[in-house]
PDB file of N, CA and C in Angstrom:
ATOM      1  N   MET A   1      -6.357 -24.051 -17.806  1.00  0.00           N
ATOM      2  CA  MET A   1      -6.562 -22.715 -17.273  1.00  0.00           C
ATOM      3  C   MET A   1      -5.280 -21.905 -17.467  1.00  0.00           C
ATOM      4  N   SER A   2      -5.440 -20.680 -17.926  1.00  0.00           N
ATOM      5  CA  SER A   2      -4.269 -19.853 -18.185  1.00  0.00           C
ATOM      6  C   SER A   2      -3.734 -19.215 -16.906  1.00  0.00           C
ATOM      7  N   LYS A   3      -2.461 -18.889 -16.946  1.00  0.00           N
ATOM      8  CA  LYS A   3      -1.818 -18.246 -15.796  1.00  0.00           C
ATOM      9  C   LYS A   3      -2.332 -16.813 -15.674  1.00  0.00           C
ATOM     10  N   PRO A   4      -2.474 -16.322 -14.444  1.00  0.00           N
ATOM     11  CA  PRO A   4      -2.920 -14.937 -14.278  1.00  0.00           C
ATOM     12  C   PRO A   4      -1.857 -13.958 -14.789  1.00  0.00           C
ATOM     13  N   VAL A   5      -2.322 -12.829 -15.272  1.00  0.00           N
ATOM     14  CA  VAL A   5      -1.437 -11.779 -15.750  1.00  0.00           C
ATOM     15  C   VAL A   5      -1.324 -10.729 -14.654  1.00  0.00           C
ATOM     16  N   TYR A   6      -0.106 -10.335 -14.341  1.00  0.00           N
ATOM     17  CA  TYR A   6       0.131  -9.332 -13.311  1.00  0.00           C
ATOM     18  C   TYR A   6       0.750  -8.081 -13.938  1.00  0.00           C
ATOM     19  N   TYR A   7       0.359  -6.935 -13.395  1.00  0.00           N
ATOM     20  CA  TYR A   7       0.908  -5.653 -13.796  1.00  0.00           C
ATOM     21  C   TYR A   7       1.546  -5.033 -12.558  1.00  0.00           C
ATOM     22  N   TYR A   8       2.722  -4.455 -12.722  1.00  0.00           N
ATOM     23  CA  TYR A   8       3.479  -3.924 -11.588  1.00  0.00           C
ATOM     24  C   TYR A   8       3.625  -2.411 -11.696  1.00  0.00           C
ATOM     25  N   PHE A   9       3.608  -1.769 -10.530  1.00  0.00           N
ATOM     26  CA  PHE A   9       3.659  -0.316 -10.453  1.00  0.00           C
ATOM     27  C   PHE A   9       4.597   0.107  -9.337  1.00  0.00           C
ATOM     28  N   LEU A  10       5.221   1.251  -9.517  1.00  0.00           N
ATOM     29  CA  LEU A  10       6.065   1.852  -8.485  1.00  0.00           C
ATOM     30  C   LEU A  10       5.523   3.237  -8.174  1.00  0.00           C
ATOM     31  N   GLU A  11       5.441   3.550  -6.900  1.00  0.00           N
ATOM     32  CA  GLU A  11       4.999   4.863  -6.466  1.00  0.00           C
ATOM     33  C   GLU A  11       6.180   5.614  -5.871  1.00  0.00           C
ATOM     34  N   PRO A  12       6.602   6.701  -6.494  1.00  0.00           N
ATOM     35  CA  PRO A  12       7.673   7.501  -5.906  1.00  0.00           C
ATOM     36  C   PRO A  12       7.128   8.269  -4.703  1.00  0.00           C
ATOM     37  N   LEU A  13       7.847   8.215  -3.599  1.00  0.00           N
ATOM     38  CA  LEU A  13       7.396   8.881  -2.385  1.00  0.00           C
ATOM     39  C   LEU A  13       8.144  10.175  -2.110  1.00  0.00           C
ATOM     40  N   ASN A  14       9.055  10.525  -3.025  1.00  0.00           N
ATOM     41  CA  ASN A  14       9.717  11.836  -2.936  1.00  0.00           C
ATOM     42  C   ASN A  14      10.160  12.241  -4.338  1.00  0.00           C
ATOM     43  N   SER A  15      10.583  13.487  -4.488  1.00  0.00           N
ATOM     44  CA  SER A  15      10.930  14.007  -5.810  1.00  0.00           C
ATOM     45  C   SER A  15      12.155  13.299  -6.411  1.00  0.00           C
ATOM     46  N   HIS A  16      13.110  12.899  -5.575  1.00  0.00           N
ATOM     47  CA  HIS A  16      14.287  12.184  -6.088  1.00  0.00           C
ATOM     48  C   HIS A  16      13.872  10.854  -6.716  1.00  0.00           C
ATOM     49  N   ALA A  17      12.987  10.126  -6.048  1.00  0.00           N
ATOM     50  CA  ALA A  17      12.514   8.844  -6.590  1.00  0.00           C
ATOM     51  C   ALA A  17      11.800   9.063  -7.923  1.00  0.00           C
ATOM     52  N   ASN A  18      10.979  10.102  -7.998  1.00  0.00           N
ATOM     53  CA  ASN A  18      10.263  10.383  -9.241  1.00  0.00           C
ATOM     54  C   ASN A  18      11.241  10.720 -10.365  1.00  0.00           C
ATOM     55  N   GLU A  19      12.283  11.457 -10.049  1.00  0.00           N
ATOM     56  CA  GLU A  19      13.296  11.806 -11.047  1.00  0.00           C
ATOM     57  C   GLU A  19      14.007  10.558 -11.561  1.00  0.00           C
ATOM     58  N   VAL A  20      14.393   9.661 -10.657  1.00  0.00           N
ATOM     59  CA  VAL A  20      15.072   8.423 -11.054  1.00  0.00           C
ATOM     60  C   VAL A  20      14.158   7.573 -11.938  1.00  0.00           C
ATOM     61  N   LEU A  21      12.899   7.405 -11.530  1.00  0.00           N
ATOM     62  CA  LEU A  21      11.961   6.602 -12.316  1.00  0.00           C
ATOM     63  C   LEU A  21      11.718   7.228 -13.688  1.00  0.00           C
ATOM     64  N   SER A  22      11.602   8.547 -13.735  1.00  0.00           N
ATOM     65  CA  SER A  22      11.318   9.215 -15.009  1.00  0.00           C
ATOM     66  C   SER A  22      12.466   9.063 -16.004  1.00  0.00           C
ATOM     67  N   LYS A  23      13.676   8.874 -15.511  1.00  0.00           N
ATOM     68  CA  LYS A  23      14.833   8.677 -16.396  1.00  0.00           C
ATOM     69  C   LYS A  23      14.898   7.259 -16.948  1.00  0.00           C
ATOM     70  N   GLU A  24      14.328   6.306 -16.227  1.00  0.00           N
ATOM     71  CA  GLU A  24      14.418   4.899 -16.622  1.00  0.00           C
ATOM     72  C   GLU A  24      13.162   4.370 -17.326  1.00  0.00           C
ATOM     73  N   LEU A  25      12.019   5.005 -17.087  1.00  0.00           N
ATOM     74  CA  LEU A  25      10.760   4.527 -17.649  1.00  0.00           C
ATOM     75  C   LEU A  25      10.217   5.535 -18.655  1.00  0.00           C
ATOM     76  N   GLU A  26       9.325   5.081 -19.500  1.00  0.00           N
ATOM     77  CA  GLU A  26       8.730   5.936 -20.536  1.00  0.00           C
ATOM     78  C   GLU A  26       7.685   6.872 -19.930  1.00  0.00           C
ATOM     79  N   PRO A  27       7.556   8.089 -20.456  1.00  0.00           N
ATOM     80  CA  PRO A  27       6.518   9.009 -19.959  1.00  0.00           C
ATOM     81  C   PRO A  27       5.119   8.395 -20.010  1.00  0.00           C
ATOM     82  N   SER A  28       4.865   7.547 -20.992  1.00  0.00           N
ATOM     83  CA  SER A  28       3.548   6.904 -21.112  1.00  0.00           C
ATOM     84  C   SER A  28       3.290   5.907 -19.986  1.00  0.00           C
ATOM     85  N   ASP A  29       4.336   5.535 -19.232  1.00  0.00           N
ATOM     86  CA  ASP A  29       4.177   4.611 -18.107  1.00  0.00           C
ATOM     87  C   ASP A  29       3.705   5.314 -16.839  1.00  0.00           C
ATOM     88  N   SER A  30       3.665   6.636 -16.874  1.00  0.00           N
ATOM     89  CA  SER A  30       3.273   7.423 -15.710  1.00  0.00           C
ATOM     90  C   SER A  30       1.749   7.518 -15.636  1.00  0.00           C
ATOM     91  N   ASN A  31       1.193   7.215 -14.469  1.00  0.00           N
ATOM     92  CA  ASN A  31      -0.250   7.261 -14.240  1.00  0.00           C
ATOM     93  C   ASN A  31      -0.504   8.101 -13.010  1.00  0.00           C
ATOM     94  N   GLU A  32      -1.190   9.218 -13.176  1.00  0.00           N
ATOM     95  CA  GLU A  32      -1.444  10.127 -12.058  1.00  0.00           C
ATOM     96  C   GLU A  32      -2.829   9.905 -11.467  1.00  0.00           C
ATOM     97  N   ASN A  33      -2.901  10.073 -10.147  1.00  0.00           N
ATOM     98  CA  ASN A  33      -4.176  10.096  -9.437  1.00  0.00           C
ATOM     99  C   ASN A  33      -4.987   8.813  -9.643  1.00  0.00           C
ATOM    100  N   VAL A  34      -4.341   7.657  -9.520  1.00  0.00           N
ATOM    101  CA  VAL A  34      -4.978   6.361  -9.736  1.00  0.00           C
ATOM    102  C   VAL A  34      -5.579   5.865  -8.423  1.00  0.00           C
ATOM    103  N   GLU A  35      -6.855   5.484  -8.460  1.00  0.00           N
ATOM    104  CA  GLU A  35      -7.485   4.931  -7.254  1.00  0.00           C
ATOM    105  C   GLU A  35      -7.067   3.471  -7.107  1.00  0.00           C
ATOM    106  N   CYS A  36      -6.584   3.134  -5.914  1.00  0.00           N
ATOM    107  CA  CYS A  36      -6.100   1.782  -5.639  1.00  0.00           C
ATOM    108  C   CYS A  36      -7.028   1.088  -4.640  1.00  0.00           C
ATOM    109  N   ALA A  37      -6.709  -0.157  -4.318  1.00  0.00           N
ATOM    110  CA  ALA A  37      -7.547  -0.954  -3.424  1.00  0.00           C
ATOM    111  C   ALA A  37      -7.683  -0.331  -2.043  1.00  0.00           C
ATOM    112  N   ASP A  38      -6.723   0.493  -1.633  1.00  0.00           N
ATOM    113  CA  ASP A  38      -6.810   1.142  -0.322  1.00  0.00           C
ATOM    114  C   ASP A  38      -7.730   2.368  -0.357  1.00  0.00           C
ATOM    115  N   ARG A  39      -8.380   2.583  -1.500  1.00  0.00           N
ATOM    116  CA  ARG A  39      -9.325   3.690  -1.737  1.00  0.00           C
ATOM    117  C   ARG A  39      -8.672   5.063  -1.723  1.00  0.00           C
ATOM    118  N   SER A  40      -7.356   5.083  -1.773  1.00  0.00           N
ATOM    119  CA  SER A  40      -6.610   6.329  -1.881  1.00  0.00           C
ATOM    120  C   SER A  40      -6.138   6.471  -3.322  1.00  0.00           C
ATOM    121  N   ARG A  41      -5.777   7.670  -3.688  1.00  0.00           N
ATOM    122  CA  ARG A  41      -5.260   7.926  -5.030  1.00  0.00           C
ATOM    123  C   ARG A  41      -3.738   8.077  -4.964  1.00  0.00           C
ATOM    124  N   HIS A  42      -3.081   7.501  -5.965  1.00  0.00           N
ATOM    125  CA  HIS A  42      -1.622   7.467  -5.984  1.00  0.00           C
ATOM    126  C   HIS A  42      -1.115   7.789  -7.384  1.00  0.00           C
ATOM    127  N   ASP A  43       0.071   8.378  -7.457  1.00  0.00           N
ATOM    128  CA  ASP A  43       0.764   8.598  -8.727  1.00  0.00           C
ATOM    129  C   ASP A  43       1.711   7.423  -8.929  1.00  0.00           C
ATOM    130  N   LEU A  44       1.468   6.631  -9.970  1.00  0.00           N
ATOM    131  CA  LEU A  44       2.184   5.377 -10.171  1.00  0.00           C
ATOM    132  C   LEU A  44       2.892   5.333 -11.520  1.00  0.00           C
ATOM    133  N   TRP A  45       3.999   4.616 -11.534  1.00  0.00           N
ATOM    134  CA  TRP A  45       4.701   4.292 -12.773  1.00  0.00           C
ATOM    135  C   TRP A  45       4.502   2.805 -13.036  1.00  0.00           C
ATOM    136  N   GLU A  46       3.949   2.453 -14.206  1.00  0.00           N
ATOM    137  CA  GLU A  46       3.794   1.045 -14.565  1.00  0.00           C
ATOM    138  C   GLU A  46       5.103   0.543 -15.149  1.00  0.00           C
ATOM    139  N   CYS A  47       5.462  -0.686 -14.809  1.00  0.00           N
ATOM    140  CA  CYS A  47       6.725  -1.238 -15.313  1.00  0.00           C
ATOM    141  C   CYS A  47       6.649  -2.755 -15.366  1.00  0.00           C
ATOM    142  N   SER A  48       7.611  -3.348 -16.028  1.00  0.00           N
ATOM    143  CA  SER A  48       7.711  -4.808 -16.084  1.00  0.00           C
ATOM    144  C   SER A  48       8.121  -5.340 -14.706  1.00  0.00           C
ATOM    145  N   TYR A  49       7.911  -6.626 -14.503  1.00  0.00           N
ATOM    146  CA  TYR A  49       8.342  -7.217 -13.235  1.00  0.00           C
ATOM    147  C   TYR A  49       9.859  -7.081 -13.069  1.00  0.00           C
ATOM    148  N   ARG A  50      10.578  -7.224 -14.166  1.00  0.00           N
ATOM    149  CA  ARG A  50      12.045  -7.105 -14.110  1.00  0.00           C
ATOM    150  C   ARG A  50      12.460  -5.733 -13.586  1.00  0.00           C
ATOM    151  N   MET A  51      11.836  -4.672 -14.102  1.00  0.00           N
ATOM    152  CA  MET A  51      12.153  -3.316 -13.631  1.00  0.00           C
ATOM    153  C   MET A  51      11.666  -3.110 -12.198  1.00  0.00           C
ATOM    154  N   PHE A  52      10.494  -3.641 -11.892  1.00  0.00           N
ATOM    155  CA  PHE A  52       9.951  -3.542 -10.541  1.00  0.00           C
ATOM    156  C   PHE A  52      10.945  -4.136  -9.536  1.00  0.00           C
ATOM    157  N   LYS A  53      11.383  -5.356  -9.820  1.00  0.00           N
ATOM    158  CA  LYS A  53      12.318  -6.038  -8.919  1.00  0.00           C
ATOM    159  C   LYS A  53      13.641  -5.283  -8.835  1.00  0.00           C
ATOM    160  N   ARG A  54      14.120  -4.799  -9.972  1.00  0.00           N
ATOM    161  CA  ARG A  54      15.385  -4.050  -9.989  1.00  0.00           C
ATOM    162  C   ARG A  54      15.309  -2.828  -9.073  1.00  0.00           C
ATOM    163  N   PHE A  55      14.242  -2.045  -9.197  1.00  0.00           N
ATOM    164  CA  PHE A  55      14.106  -0.849  -8.364  1.00  0.00           C
ATOM    165  C   PHE A  55      13.887  -1.201  -6.897  1.00  0.00           C
ATOM    166  N   MET A  56      13.066  -2.198  -6.628  1.00  0.00           N
ATOM    167  CA  MET A  56      12.802  -2.566  -5.230  1.00  0.00           C
ATOM    168  C   MET A  56      14.079  -3.094  -4.566  1.00  0.00           C
ATOM    169  N   ASP A  57      14.844  -3.882  -5.305  1.00  0.00           N
ATOM    170  CA  ASP A  57      16.086  -4.432  -4.749  1.00  0.00           C
ATOM    171  C   ASP A  57      17.184  -3.377  -4.604  1.00  0.00           C
ATOM    172  N   SER A  58      17.120  -2.321  -5.410  1.00  0.00           N
ATOM    173  CA  SER A  58      18.186  -1.310  -5.433  1.00  0.00           C
ATOM    174  C   SER A  58      17.809  -0.012  -4.739  1.00  0.00           C
ATOM    175  N   ARG A  59      16.649   0.046  -4.100  1.00  0.00           N
ATOM    176  CA  ARG A  59      16.183   1.333  -3.566  1.00  0.00           C
ATOM    177  C   ARG A  59      17.127   1.934  -2.540  1.00  0.00           C
ATOM    178  N   LEU A  60      17.780   1.120  -1.734  1.00  0.00           N
ATOM    179  CA  LEU A  60      18.732   1.663  -0.760  1.00  0.00           C
ATOM    180  C   LEU A  60      19.964   2.223  -1.461  1.00  0.00           C
ATOM    181  N   ASP A  61      20.487   1.471  -2.435  1.00  0.00           N
ATOM    182  CA  ASP A  61      21.662   1.926  -3.183  1.00  0.00           C
ATOM    183  C   ASP A  61      21.372   3.199  -3.980  1.00  0.00           C
ATOM    184  N   LEU A  62      20.153   3.290  -4.515  1.00  0.00           N
ATOM    185  CA  LEU A  62      19.772   4.460  -5.314  1.00  0.00           C
ATOM    186  C   LEU A  62      19.315   5.634  -4.450  1.00  0.00           C
ATOM    187  N   GLY A  63      19.048   5.353  -3.181  1.00  0.00           N
ATOM    188  CA  GLY A  63      18.589   6.403  -2.276  1.00  0.00           C
ATOM    189  C   GLY A  63      17.189   6.895  -2.595  1.00  0.00           C
ATOM    190  N   ILE A  64      16.328   5.973  -3.062  1.00  0.00           N
ATOM    191  CA  ILE A  64      14.967   6.377  -3.421  1.00  0.00           C
ATOM    192  C   ILE A  64      13.948   5.797  -2.446  1.00  0.00           C
ATOM    193  N   LYS A  65      12.884   6.547  -2.238  1.00  0.00           N
ATOM    194  CA  LYS A  65      11.768   6.094  -1.402  1.00  0.00           C
ATOM    195  C   LYS A  65      10.618   5.763  -2.338  1.00  0.00           C
ATOM    196  N   ILE A  66      10.289   4.462  -2.394  1.00  0.00           N
ATOM    197  CA  ILE A  66       9.235   4.003  -3.294  1.00  0.00           C
ATOM    198  C   ILE A  66       8.338   3.003  -2.586  1.00  0.00           C
ATOM    199  N   GLN A  67       7.140   2.846  -3.135  1.00  0.00           N
ATOM    200  CA  GLN A  67       6.190   1.837  -2.678  1.00  0.00           C
ATOM    201  C   GLN A  67       5.834   0.983  -3.880  1.00  0.00           C
ATOM    202  N   GLY A  68       5.804  -0.330  -3.702  1.00  0.00           N
ATOM    203  CA  GLY A  68       5.433  -1.243  -4.777  1.00  0.00           C
ATOM    204  C   GLY A  68       3.941  -1.532  -4.772  1.00  0.00           C
ATOM    205  N   TRP A  69       3.374  -1.718  -5.977  1.00  0.00           N
ATOM    206  CA  TRP A  69       1.960  -2.039  -6.176  1.00  0.00           C
ATOM    207  C   TRP A  69       1.855  -3.090  -7.265  1.00  0.00           C
ATOM    208  N   ARG A  70       0.739  -3.865  -7.232  1.00  0.00           N
ATOM    209  CA  ARG A  70       0.530  -4.900  -8.242  1.00  0.00           C
ATOM    210  C   ARG A  70      -0.962  -5.040  -8.526  1.00  0.00           C
ATOM    211  N   ARG A  71      -1.279  -5.328  -9.783  1.00  0.00           N
ATOM    212  CA  ARG A  71      -2.666  -5.608 -10.169  1.00  0.00           C
ATOM    213  C   ARG A  71      -2.704  -6.960 -10.853  1.00  0.00           C
ATOM    214  N   ARG A  72      -3.660  -7.778 -10.460  1.00  0.00           N
ATOM    215  CA  ARG A  72      -3.864  -9.077 -11.107  1.00  0.00           C
ATOM    216  C   ARG A  72      -4.968  -8.916 -12.134  1.00  0.00           C
ATOM    217  N   GLY A  73      -4.627  -9.126 -13.406  1.00  0.00           N
ATOM    218  CA  GLY A  73      -5.606  -8.987 -14.481  1.00  0.00           C
ATOM    219  C   GLY A  73      -6.241  -7.606 -14.476  1.00  0.00           C
ATOM    220  N   ASN A  74      -7.565  -7.579 -14.452  1.00  0.00           N
ATOM    221  CA  ASN A  74      -8.300  -6.317 -14.436  1.00  0.00           C
ATOM    222  C   ASN A  74      -8.737  -5.934 -13.027  1.00  0.00           C
ATOM    223  N   GLY A  75      -8.158  -6.570 -12.009  1.00  0.00           N
ATOM    224  CA  GLY A  75      -8.527  -6.296 -10.624  1.00  0.00           C
ATOM    225  C   GLY A  75      -8.016  -4.949 -10.136  1.00  0.00           C
ATOM    226  N   GLN A  76      -8.162  -4.753  -8.853  1.00  0.00           N
ATOM    227  CA  GLN A  76      -7.701  -3.510  -8.240  1.00  0.00           C
ATOM    228  C   GLN A  76      -6.189  -3.536  -8.041  1.00  0.00           C
ATOM    229  N   ILE A  77      -5.608  -2.357  -8.025  1.00  0.00           N
ATOM    230  CA  ILE A  77      -4.176  -2.231  -7.762  1.00  0.00           C
ATOM    231  C   ILE A  77      -3.987  -2.289  -6.248  1.00  0.00           C
ATOM    232  N   GLU A  78      -3.170  -3.236  -5.800  1.00  0.00           N
ATOM    233  CA  GLU A  78      -2.949  -3.455  -4.367  1.00  0.00           C
ATOM    234  C   GLU A  78      -1.480  -3.263  -4.022  1.00  0.00           C
ATOM    235  N   ARG A  79      -1.255  -2.821  -2.790  1.00  0.00           N
ATOM    236  CA  ARG A  79       0.118  -2.682  -2.289  1.00  0.00           C
ATOM    237  C   ARG A  79       0.804  -4.041  -2.414  1.00  0.00           C
ATOM    238  N   TRP A  80       2.056  -4.028  -2.865  1.00  0.00           N
ATOM    239  CA  TRP A  80       2.774  -5.286  -3.046  1.00  0.00           C
ATOM    240  C   TRP A  80       4.163  -5.202  -2.449  1.00  0.00           C
ATOM    241  N   PRO A  81       4.552  -6.139  -1.631  1.00  0.00           N
ATOM    242  CA  PRO A  81       3.762  -7.238  -1.099  1.00  0.00           C
ATOM    243  C   PRO A  81       2.595  -6.725  -0.250  1.00  0.00           C
ATOM    244  N   PRO A  82       1.517  -7.516  -0.181  1.00  0.00           N
ATOM    245  CA  PRO A  82       0.300  -7.081   0.510  1.00  0.00           C
ATOM    246  C   PRO A  82       0.554  -6.646   1.955  1.00  0.00           C
ATOM    247  N   GLY A  83       0.018  -5.493   2.288  1.00  0.00           N
ATOM    248  CA  GLY A  83       0.089  -4.998   3.657  1.00  0.00           C
ATOM    249  C   GLY A  83       1.451  -4.550   4.137  1.00  0.00           C
ATOM    250  N   VAL A  84       2.445  -4.576   3.266  1.00  0.00           N
ATOM    251  CA  VAL A  84       3.794  -4.201   3.662  1.00  0.00           C
ATOM    252  C   VAL A  84       4.160  -2.867   3.017  1.00  0.00           C
ATOM    253  N   ARG A  85       4.552  -1.934   3.828  1.00  0.00           N
ATOM    254  CA  ARG A  85       4.999  -0.638   3.310  1.00  0.00           C
ATOM    255  C   ARG A  85       6.510  -0.732   3.151  1.00  0.00           C
ATOM    256  N   MET A  86       6.972  -0.734   1.895  1.00  0.00           N
ATOM    257  CA  MET A  86       8.383  -0.960   1.597  1.00  0.00           C
ATOM    258  C   MET A  86       9.059   0.334   1.193  1.00  0.00           C
ATOM    259  N   VAL A  87       9.434   1.144   2.154  1.00  0.00           N
ATOM    260  CA  VAL A  87      10.139   2.395   1.851  1.00  0.00           C
ATOM    261  C   VAL A  87      11.485   2.367   2.548  1.00  0.00           C
ATOM    262  N   THR A  88      12.363   3.236   2.101  1.00  0.00           N
ATOM    263  CA  THR A  88      13.674   3.341   2.751  1.00  0.00           C
ATOM    264  C   THR A  88      13.627   4.453   3.760  1.00  0.00           C
TER     265      THR A  88
END
């Protein structure tokens, strides 16, 4: 059985966070108005796990307010870690 494939997303919660993400990620990584598992729509930046971890670990130092999201395979995009709102 093959390992599951995960896709990671960052949601900027203020304009400064969006500016920082836009400088580090490609414009094609930006996804607007995406419906997630919470049935709400979010503006998300798709990124590698390495970038996801880098931003999540550095959010206080960078002064950005972000929320992490993850999708397993073709499933729904869920808040990551589950049920935890990770903002500064």
